[in-house]
Amino acid sequence: MDVALIASKDEVLFIVRNNRPALELDQRKIWERGYSSKGRNRGLGLSNLLELVHEFDNVSLNTEVGPDSFSQTLIFKPKGAY
């Protein structure tokens, strides 16, 4: 897992990148509570993340799915700057 925090005067980026199995991934289902490509008793993180992003006007989320990795970039803008 790689984690980065990048701050500029215009925004703060919080990036998390993790390896994933090289299996086909339904990108619509990854946001569903309980869905996981890694097995049972998982699948809460992305649904919780999406709920949090929807609660704030100044936060956005970019998702990238590669053949063997998965990354999330949370973008925080100062209030009034979007």
PDB file of N, CA and C in Angstrom:
ATOM      1  N   MET A   1       0.844  -1.158   0.000  1.00  0.00           N
ATOM      2  CA  MET A   1       0.000   0.000   0.000  1.00  0.00           C
ATOM      3  C   MET A   1       0.899   1.233   0.000  1.00  0.00           C
ATOM      4  N   ASP A   2       0.557   2.189  -0.855  1.00  0.00           N
ATOM      5  CA  ASP A   2       1.245   3.474  -0.891  1.00  0.00           C
ATOM      6  C   ASP A   2       0.254   4.553  -0.481  1.00  0.00           C
ATOM      7  N   VAL A   3       0.731   5.503   0.304  1.00  0.00           N
ATOM      8  CA  VAL A   3      -0.104   6.609   0.759  1.00  0.00           C
ATOM      9  C   VAL A   3       0.673   7.901   0.552  1.00  0.00           C
ATOM     10  N   ALA A   4      -0.022   8.927   0.052  1.00  0.00           N
ATOM     11  CA  ALA A   4       0.621  10.228  -0.143  1.00  0.00           C
ATOM     12  C   ALA A   4      -0.335  11.327   0.288  1.00  0.00           C
ATOM     13  N   LEU A   5       0.211  12.372   0.834  1.00  0.00           N
ATOM     14  CA  LEU A   5      -0.541  13.574   1.187  1.00  0.00           C
ATOM     15  C   LEU A   5       0.193  14.737   0.540  1.00  0.00           C
ATOM     16  N   ILE A   6      -0.485  15.434  -0.370  1.00  0.00           N
ATOM     17  CA  ILE A   6       0.128  16.528  -1.120  1.00  0.00           C
ATOM     18  C   ILE A   6      -0.716  17.776  -0.917  1.00  0.00           C
ATOM     19  N   ALA A   7      -0.081  18.845  -0.454  1.00  0.00           N
ATOM     20  CA  ALA A   7      -0.796  20.090  -0.188  1.00  0.00           C
ATOM     21  C   ALA A   7      -0.252  21.212  -1.061  1.00  0.00           C
ATOM     22  N   SER A   8      -1.165  21.981  -1.606  1.00  0.00           N
ATOM     23  CA  SER A   8      -0.802  23.200  -2.319  1.00  0.00           C
ATOM     24  C   SER A   8      -1.720  24.303  -1.812  1.00  0.00           C
ATOM     25  N   LYS A   9      -1.558  25.495  -2.349  1.00  0.00           N
ATOM     26  CA  LYS A   9      -2.413  26.590  -1.884  1.00  0.00           C
ATOM     27  C   LYS A   9      -3.858  26.410  -2.340  1.00  0.00           C
ATOM     28  N   ASP A  10      -4.082  25.603  -3.395  1.00  0.00           N
ATOM     29  CA  ASP A  10      -5.416  25.444  -3.962  1.00  0.00           C
ATOM     30  C   ASP A  10      -6.155  24.194  -3.509  1.00  0.00           C
ATOM     31  N   GLU A  11      -5.406  23.173  -3.049  1.00  0.00           N
ATOM     32  CA  GLU A  11      -6.070  21.925  -2.687  1.00  0.00           C
ATOM     33  C   GLU A  11      -5.131  21.023  -1.896  1.00  0.00           C
ATOM     34  N   VAL A  12      -5.735  20.027  -1.271  1.00  0.00           N
ATOM     35  CA  VAL A  12      -4.986  18.980  -0.586  1.00  0.00           C
ATOM     36  C   VAL A  12      -5.420  17.656  -1.200  1.00  0.00           C
ATOM     37  N   LEU A  13      -4.437  16.852  -1.601  1.00  0.00           N
ATOM     38  CA  LEU A  13      -4.710  15.538  -2.165  1.00  0.00           C
ATOM     39  C   LEU A  13      -4.294  14.478  -1.168  1.00  0.00           C
ATOM     40  N   PHE A  14      -5.160  13.522  -0.955  1.00  0.00           N
ATOM     41  CA  PHE A  14      -4.850  12.353  -0.140  1.00  0.00           C
ATOM     42  C   PHE A  14      -5.009  11.153  -1.055  1.00  0.00           C
ATOM     43  N   ILE A  15      -3.894  10.470  -1.327  1.00  0.00           N
ATOM     44  CA  ILE A  15      -3.883   9.389  -2.310  1.00  0.00           C
ATOM     45  C   ILE A  15      -3.547   8.071  -1.612  1.00  0.00           C
ATOM     46  N   VAL A  16      -4.348   7.054  -1.897  1.00  0.00           N
ATOM     47  CA  VAL A  16      -4.094   5.711  -1.391  1.00  0.00           C
ATOM     48  C   VAL A  16      -4.090   4.765  -2.583  1.00  0.00           C
ATOM     49  N   ARG A  17      -3.007   4.013  -2.718  1.00  0.00           N
ATOM     50  CA  ARG A  17      -2.877   3.041  -3.809  1.00  0.00           C
ATOM     51  C   ARG A  17      -2.571   1.692  -3.198  1.00  0.00           C
ATOM     52  N   ASN A  18      -3.282   0.670  -3.676  1.00  0.00           N
ATOM     53  CA  ASN A  18      -3.101  -0.666  -3.125  1.00  0.00           C
ATOM     54  C   ASN A  18      -3.082  -1.683  -4.262  1.00  0.00           C
ATOM     55  N   ASN A  19      -2.380  -2.780  -4.047  1.00  0.00           N
ATOM     56  CA  ASN A  19      -2.404  -3.875  -5.007  1.00  0.00           C
ATOM     57  C   ASN A  19      -3.746  -4.570  -4.930  1.00  0.00           C
ATOM     58  N   ARG A  20      -4.115  -5.231  -6.026  1.00  0.00           N
ATOM     59  CA  ARG A  20      -5.353  -5.989  -6.047  1.00  0.00           C
ATOM     60  C   ARG A  20      -5.142  -7.225  -6.898  1.00  0.00           C
ATOM     61  N   PRO A  21      -5.974  -8.226  -6.714  1.00  0.00           N
ATOM     62  CA  PRO A  21      -5.853  -9.420  -7.559  1.00  0.00           C
ATOM     63  C   PRO A  21      -6.078  -9.049  -9.023  1.00  0.00           C
ATOM     64  N   ALA A  22      -5.359  -9.677  -9.904  1.00  0.00           N
ATOM     65  CA  ALA A  22      -5.482  -9.396 -11.339  1.00  0.00           C
ATOM     66  C   ALA A  22      -6.693 -10.130 -11.906  1.00  0.00           C
ATOM     67  N   LEU A  23      -7.847  -9.848 -11.341  1.00  0.00           N
ATOM     68  CA  LEU A  23      -9.111 -10.428 -11.771  1.00  0.00           C
ATOM     69  C   LEU A  23      -9.990  -9.331 -12.339  1.00  0.00           C
ATOM     70  N   GLU A  24     -10.968  -9.725 -13.134  1.00  0.00           N
ATOM     71  CA  GLU A  24     -11.916  -8.744 -13.652  1.00  0.00           C
ATOM     72  C   GLU A  24     -12.665  -8.112 -12.479  1.00  0.00           C
ATOM     73  N   LEU A  25     -12.857  -6.805 -12.540  1.00  0.00           N
ATOM     74  CA  LEU A  25     -13.483  -6.071 -11.447  1.00  0.00           C
ATOM     75  C   LEU A  25     -14.648  -5.266 -11.992  1.00  0.00           C
ATOM     76  N   ASP A  26     -15.824  -5.471 -11.437  1.00  0.00           N
ATOM     77  CA  ASP A  26     -17.003  -4.704 -11.822  1.00  0.00           C
ATOM     78  C   ASP A  26     -16.946  -3.361 -11.094  1.00  0.00           C
ATOM     79  N   GLN A  27     -16.565  -2.314 -11.803  1.00  0.00           N
ATOM     80  CA  GLN A  27     -16.345  -1.009 -11.170  1.00  0.00           C
ATOM     81  C   GLN A  27     -17.629  -0.375 -10.664  1.00  0.00           C
ATOM     82  N   ARG A  28     -18.781  -0.867 -11.085  1.00  0.00           N
ATOM     83  CA  ARG A  28     -20.046  -0.356 -10.536  1.00  0.00           C
ATOM     84  C   ARG A  28     -20.320  -0.968  -9.176  1.00  0.00           C
ATOM     85  N   LYS A  29     -19.889  -2.208  -8.969  1.00  0.00           N
ATOM     86  CA  LYS A  29     -20.195  -2.920  -7.723  1.00  0.00           C
ATOM     87  C   LYS A  29     -19.268  -2.555  -6.566  1.00  0.00           C
ATOM     88  N   ILE A  30     -18.093  -2.003  -6.859  1.00  0.00           N
ATOM     89  CA  ILE A  30     -17.123  -1.755  -5.782  1.00  0.00           C
ATOM     90  C   ILE A  30     -17.652  -0.791  -4.728  1.00  0.00           C
ATOM     91  N   TRP A  31     -18.647  -0.006  -5.072  1.00  0.00           N
ATOM     92  CA  TRP A  31     -19.198   0.973  -4.131  1.00  0.00           C
ATOM     93  C   TRP A  31     -20.291   0.378  -3.254  1.00  0.00           C
ATOM     94  N   GLU A  32     -20.729  -0.851  -3.545  1.00  0.00           N
ATOM     95  CA  GLU A  32     -21.789  -1.492  -2.776  1.00  0.00           C
ATOM     96  C   GLU A  32     -21.252  -1.999  -1.444  1.00  0.00           C
ATOM     97  N   ARG A  33     -22.016  -1.745  -0.385  1.00  0.00           N
ATOM     98  CA  ARG A  33     -21.640  -2.220   0.947  1.00  0.00           C
ATOM     99  C   ARG A  33     -21.561  -3.748   0.922  1.00  0.00           C
ATOM    100  N   GLY A  34     -20.435  -4.284   1.367  1.00  0.00           N
ATOM    101  CA  GLY A  34     -20.250  -5.721   1.435  1.00  0.00           C
ATOM    102  C   GLY A  34     -19.562  -6.338   0.227  1.00  0.00           C
ATOM    103  N   TYR A  35     -19.406  -5.575  -0.861  1.00  0.00           N
ATOM    104  CA  TYR A  35     -18.731  -6.129  -2.031  1.00  0.00           C
ATOM    105  C   TYR A  35     -17.223  -6.055  -1.846  1.00  0.00           C
ATOM    106  N   SER A  36     -16.516  -7.136  -2.157  1.00  0.00           N
ATOM    107  CA  SER A  36     -15.063  -7.151  -2.085  1.00  0.00           C
ATOM    108  C   SER A  36     -14.514  -8.172  -3.058  1.00  0.00           C
ATOM    109  N   SER A  37     -13.387  -7.830  -3.670  1.00  0.00           N
ATOM    110  CA  SER A  37     -12.685  -8.798  -4.521  1.00  0.00           C
ATOM    111  C   SER A  37     -11.691  -9.605  -3.698  1.00  0.00           C
ATOM    112  N   LYS A  38     -11.584  -9.310  -2.399  1.00  0.00           N
ATOM    113  CA  LYS A  38     -10.583  -9.950  -1.548  1.00  0.00           C
ATOM    114  C   LYS A  38     -11.156 -11.000  -0.603  1.00  0.00           C
ATOM    115  N   GLY A  39     -12.431 -11.297  -0.713  1.00  0.00           N
ATOM    116  CA  GLY A  39     -12.982 -12.345   0.134  1.00  0.00           C
ATOM    117  C   GLY A  39     -14.113 -11.873   1.014  1.00  0.00           C
ATOM    118  N   ARG A  40     -14.479 -12.729   1.958  1.00  0.00           N
ATOM    119  CA  ARG A  40     -15.622 -12.468   2.832  1.00  0.00           C
ATOM    120  C   ARG A  40     -15.269 -11.539   3.986  1.00  0.00           C
ATOM    121  N   ASN A  41     -16.329 -11.006   4.620  1.00  0.00           N
ATOM    122  CA  ASN A  41     -16.202 -10.122   5.793  1.00  0.00           C
ATOM    123  C   ASN A  41     -15.398  -8.868   5.491  1.00  0.00           C
ATOM    124  N   ARG A  42     -15.595  -8.318   4.313  1.00  0.00           N
ATOM    125  CA  ARG A  42     -14.921  -7.096   3.877  1.00  0.00           C
ATOM    126  C   ARG A  42     -15.940  -6.246   3.134  1.00  0.00           C
ATOM    127  N   GLY A  43     -15.455  -5.197   2.481  1.00  0.00           N
ATOM    128  CA  GLY A  43     -16.319  -4.451   1.582  1.00  0.00           C
ATOM    129  C   GLY A  43     -17.072  -3.306   2.202  1.00  0.00           C
ATOM    130  N   LEU A  44     -16.522  -2.713   3.263  1.00  0.00           N
ATOM    131  CA  LEU A  44     -17.173  -1.562   3.882  1.00  0.00           C
ATOM    132  C   LEU A  44     -16.478  -0.249   3.559  1.00  0.00           C
ATOM    133  N   GLY A  45     -15.198  -0.305   3.288  1.00  0.00           N
ATOM    134  CA  GLY A  45     -14.399   0.909   3.140  1.00  0.00           C
ATOM    135  C   GLY A  45     -14.843   1.837   2.027  1.00  0.00           C
ATOM    136  N   LEU A  46     -15.042   1.315   0.828  1.00  0.00           N
ATOM    137  CA  LEU A  46     -15.387   2.186  -0.289  1.00  0.00           C
ATOM    138  C   LEU A  46     -16.802   2.736  -0.177  1.00  0.00           C
ATOM    139  N   SER A  47     -17.728   1.945   0.343  1.00  0.00           N
ATOM    140  CA  SER A  47     -19.082   2.469   0.513  1.00  0.00           C
ATOM    141  C   SER A  47     -19.096   3.569   1.573  1.00  0.00           C
ATOM    142  N   ASN A  48     -18.331   3.400   2.644  1.00  0.00           N
ATOM    143  CA  ASN A  48     -18.224   4.451   3.668  1.00  0.00           C
ATOM    144  C   ASN A  48     -17.561   5.705   3.100  1.00  0.00           C
ATOM    145  N   LEU A  49     -16.522   5.513   2.306  1.00  0.00           N
ATOM    146  CA  LEU A  49     -15.820   6.639   1.694  1.00  0.00           C
ATOM    147  C   LEU A  49     -16.760   7.437   0.801  1.00  0.00           C
ATOM    148  N   LEU A  50     -17.529   6.765  -0.012  1.00  0.00           N
ATOM    149  CA  LEU A  50     -18.449   7.446  -0.915  1.00  0.00           C
ATOM    150  C   LEU A  50     -19.507   8.235  -0.142  1.00  0.00           C
ATOM    151  N   GLU A  51     -20.007   7.685   0.949  1.00  0.00           N
ATOM    152  CA  GLU A  51     -20.962   8.409   1.783  1.00  0.00           C
ATOM    153  C   GLU A  51     -20.345   9.695   2.337  1.00  0.00           C
ATOM    154  N   LEU A  52     -19.097   9.613   2.798  1.00  0.00           N
ATOM    155  CA  LEU A  52     -18.423  10.801   3.331  1.00  0.00           C
ATOM    156  C   LEU A  52     -18.208  11.859   2.259  1.00  0.00           C
ATOM    157  N   VAL A  53     -17.797  11.435   1.076  1.00  0.00           N
ATOM    158  CA  VAL A  53     -17.562  12.384  -0.016  1.00  0.00           C
ATOM    159  C   VAL A  53     -18.851  13.121  -0.362  1.00  0.00           C
ATOM    160  N   HIS A  54     -19.985  12.419  -0.323  1.00  0.00           N
ATOM    161  CA  HIS A  54     -21.265  13.048  -0.660  1.00  0.00           C
ATOM    162  C   HIS A  54     -21.733  14.042   0.405  1.00  0.00           C
ATOM    163  N   GLU A  55     -21.173  13.948   1.601  1.00  0.00           N
ATOM    164  CA  GLU A  55     -21.573  14.846   2.686  1.00  0.00           C
ATOM    165  C   GLU A  55     -20.936  16.232   2.587  1.00  0.00           C
ATOM    166  N   PHE A  56     -19.845  16.370   1.834  1.00  0.00           N
ATOM    167  CA  PHE A  56     -19.102  17.627   1.807  1.00  0.00           C
ATOM    168  C   PHE A  56     -19.027  18.179   0.389  1.00  0.00           C
ATOM    169  N   ASP A  57     -19.346  19.464   0.238  1.00  0.00           N
ATOM    170  CA  ASP A  57     -19.301  20.109  -1.081  1.00  0.00           C
ATOM    171  C   ASP A  57     -17.878  20.334  -1.578  1.00  0.00           C
ATOM    172  N   ASN A  58     -16.928  20.413  -0.675  1.00  0.00           N
ATOM    173  CA  ASN A  58     -15.566  20.760  -1.067  1.00  0.00           C
ATOM    174  C   ASN A  58     -14.638  19.545  -1.176  1.00  0.00           C
ATOM    175  N   VAL A  59     -15.215  18.343  -1.260  1.00  0.00           N
ATOM    176  CA  VAL A  59     -14.425  17.122  -1.367  1.00  0.00           C
ATOM    177  C   VAL A  59     -14.878  16.351  -2.605  1.00  0.00           C
ATOM    178  N   SER A  60     -13.896  15.910  -3.397  1.00  0.00           N
ATOM    179  CA  SER A  60     -14.212  15.060  -4.544  1.00  0.00           C
ATOM    180  C   SER A  60     -13.305  13.837  -4.518  1.00  0.00           C
ATOM    181  N   LEU A  61     -13.646  12.855  -5.324  1.00  0.00           N
ATOM    182  CA  LEU A  61     -12.942  11.586  -5.312  1.00  0.00           C
ATOM    183  C   LEU A  61     -12.678  11.130  -6.732  1.00  0.00           C
ATOM    184  N   ASN A  62     -11.431  10.757  -6.999  1.00  0.00           N
ATOM    185  CA  ASN A  62     -11.060  10.140  -8.275  1.00  0.00           C
ATOM    186  C   ASN A  62     -10.609   8.713  -7.993  1.00  0.00           C
ATOM    187  N   THR A  63     -11.092   7.791  -8.810  1.00  0.00           N
ATOM    188  CA  THR A  63     -10.756   6.383  -8.653  1.00  0.00           C
ATOM    189  C   THR A  63     -10.096   5.894  -9.925  1.00  0.00           C
ATOM    190  N   GLU A  64      -9.005   5.160  -9.772  1.00  0.00           N
ATOM    191  CA  GLU A  64      -8.328   4.556 -10.915  1.00  0.00           C
ATOM    192  C   GLU A  64      -8.130   3.071 -10.626  1.00  0.00           C
ATOM    193  N   VAL A  65      -8.559   2.246 -11.573  1.00  0.00           N
ATOM    194  CA  VAL A  65      -8.400   0.804 -11.444  1.00  0.00           C
ATOM    195  C   VAL A  65      -7.455   0.340 -12.543  1.00  0.00           C
ATOM    196  N   GLY A  66      -6.315  -0.174 -12.138  1.00  0.00           N
ATOM    197  CA  GLY A  66      -5.358  -0.726 -13.081  1.00  0.00           C
ATOM    198  C   GLY A  66      -5.446  -2.236 -13.085  1.00  0.00           C
ATOM    199  N   PRO A  67      -4.655  -2.890 -13.917  1.00  0.00           N
ATOM    200  CA  PRO A  67      -4.722  -4.353 -13.995  1.00  0.00           C
ATOM    201  C   PRO A  67      -4.352  -5.053 -12.690  1.00  0.00           C
ATOM    202  N   ASP A  68      -3.492  -4.426 -11.878  1.00  0.00           N
ATOM    203  CA  ASP A  68      -3.096  -5.049 -10.615  1.00  0.00           C
ATOM    204  C   ASP A  68      -3.023  -4.061  -9.457  1.00  0.00           C
ATOM    205  N   SER A  69      -3.618  -2.889  -9.644  1.00  0.00           N
ATOM    206  CA  SER A  69      -3.623  -1.899  -8.567  1.00  0.00           C
ATOM    207  C   SER A  69      -4.928  -1.108  -8.588  1.00  0.00           C
ATOM    208  N   PHE A  70      -5.135  -0.411  -7.504  1.00  0.00           N
ATOM    209  CA  PHE A  70      -6.364   0.345  -7.303  1.00  0.00           C
ATOM    210  C   PHE A  70      -5.973   1.600  -6.539  1.00  0.00           C
ATOM    211  N   SER A  71      -6.382   2.768  -6.994  1.00  0.00           N
ATOM    212  CA  SER A  71      -6.021   3.987  -6.258  1.00  0.00           C
ATOM    213  C   SER A  71      -7.223   4.905  -6.107  1.00  0.00           C
ATOM    214  N   GLN A  72      -7.229   5.575  -4.989  1.00  0.00           N
ATOM    215  CA  GLN A  72      -8.252   6.568  -4.654  1.00  0.00           C
ATOM    216  C   GLN A  72      -7.534   7.876  -4.371  1.00  0.00           C
ATOM    217  N   THR A  73      -8.017   8.951  -4.978  1.00  0.00           N
ATOM    218  CA  THR A  73      -7.487  10.276  -4.687  1.00  0.00           C
ATOM    219  C   THR A  73      -8.616  11.141  -4.160  1.00  0.00           C
ATOM    220  N   LEU A  74      -8.511  11.521  -2.920  1.00  0.00           N
ATOM    221  CA  LEU A  74      -9.458  12.464  -2.317  1.00  0.00           C
ATOM    222  C   LEU A  74      -8.907  13.863  -2.528  1.00  0.00           C
ATOM    223  N   ILE A  75      -9.748  14.766  -3.027  1.00  0.00           N
ATOM    224  CA  ILE A  75      -9.327  16.128  -3.311  1.00  0.00           C
ATOM    225  C   ILE A  75     -10.129  17.056  -2.412  1.00  0.00           C
ATOM    226  N   PHE A  76      -9.416  17.763  -1.546  1.00  0.00           N
ATOM    227  CA  PHE A  76     -10.036  18.721  -0.628  1.00  0.00           C
ATOM    228  C   PHE A  76      -9.742  20.122  -1.126  1.00  0.00           C
ATOM    229  N   LYS A  77     -10.764  20.888  -1.401  1.00  0.00           N
ATOM    230  CA  LYS A  77     -10.607  22.286  -1.827  1.00  0.00           C
ATOM    231  C   LYS A  77     -11.012  23.184  -0.654  1.00  0.00           C
ATOM    232  N   PRO A  78     -10.355  24.325  -0.518  1.00  0.00           N
ATOM    233  CA  PRO A  78     -10.794  25.253   0.527  1.00  0.00           C
ATOM    234  C   PRO A  78     -12.244  25.669   0.276  1.00  0.00           C
ATOM    235  N   LYS A  79     -13.002  25.878   1.307  1.00  0.00           N
ATOM    236  CA  LYS A  79     -14.390  26.309   1.158  1.00  0.00           C
ATOM    237  C   LYS A  79     -14.436  27.590   0.312  1.00  0.00           C
ATOM    238  N   GLY A  80     -15.361  27.612  -0.648  1.00  0.00           N
ATOM    239  CA  GLY A  80     -15.525  28.772  -1.513  1.00  0.00           C
ATOM    240  C   GLY A  80     -14.617  28.759  -2.728  1.00  0.00           C
ATOM    241  N   ALA A  81     -13.762  27.759  -2.902  1.00  0.00           N
ATOM    242  CA  ALA A  81     -12.798  27.733  -4.013  1.00  0.00           C
ATOM    243  C   ALA A  81     -13.195  26.778  -5.123  1.00  0.00           C
ATOM    244  N   TYR A  82     -14.423  26.334  -5.174  1.00  0.00           N
ATOM    245  CA  TYR A  82     -14.820  25.353  -6.182  1.00  0.00           C
ATOM    246  C   TYR A  82     -15.911  25.866  -7.067  1.00  0.00           C
TER     247      TYR A  82
END
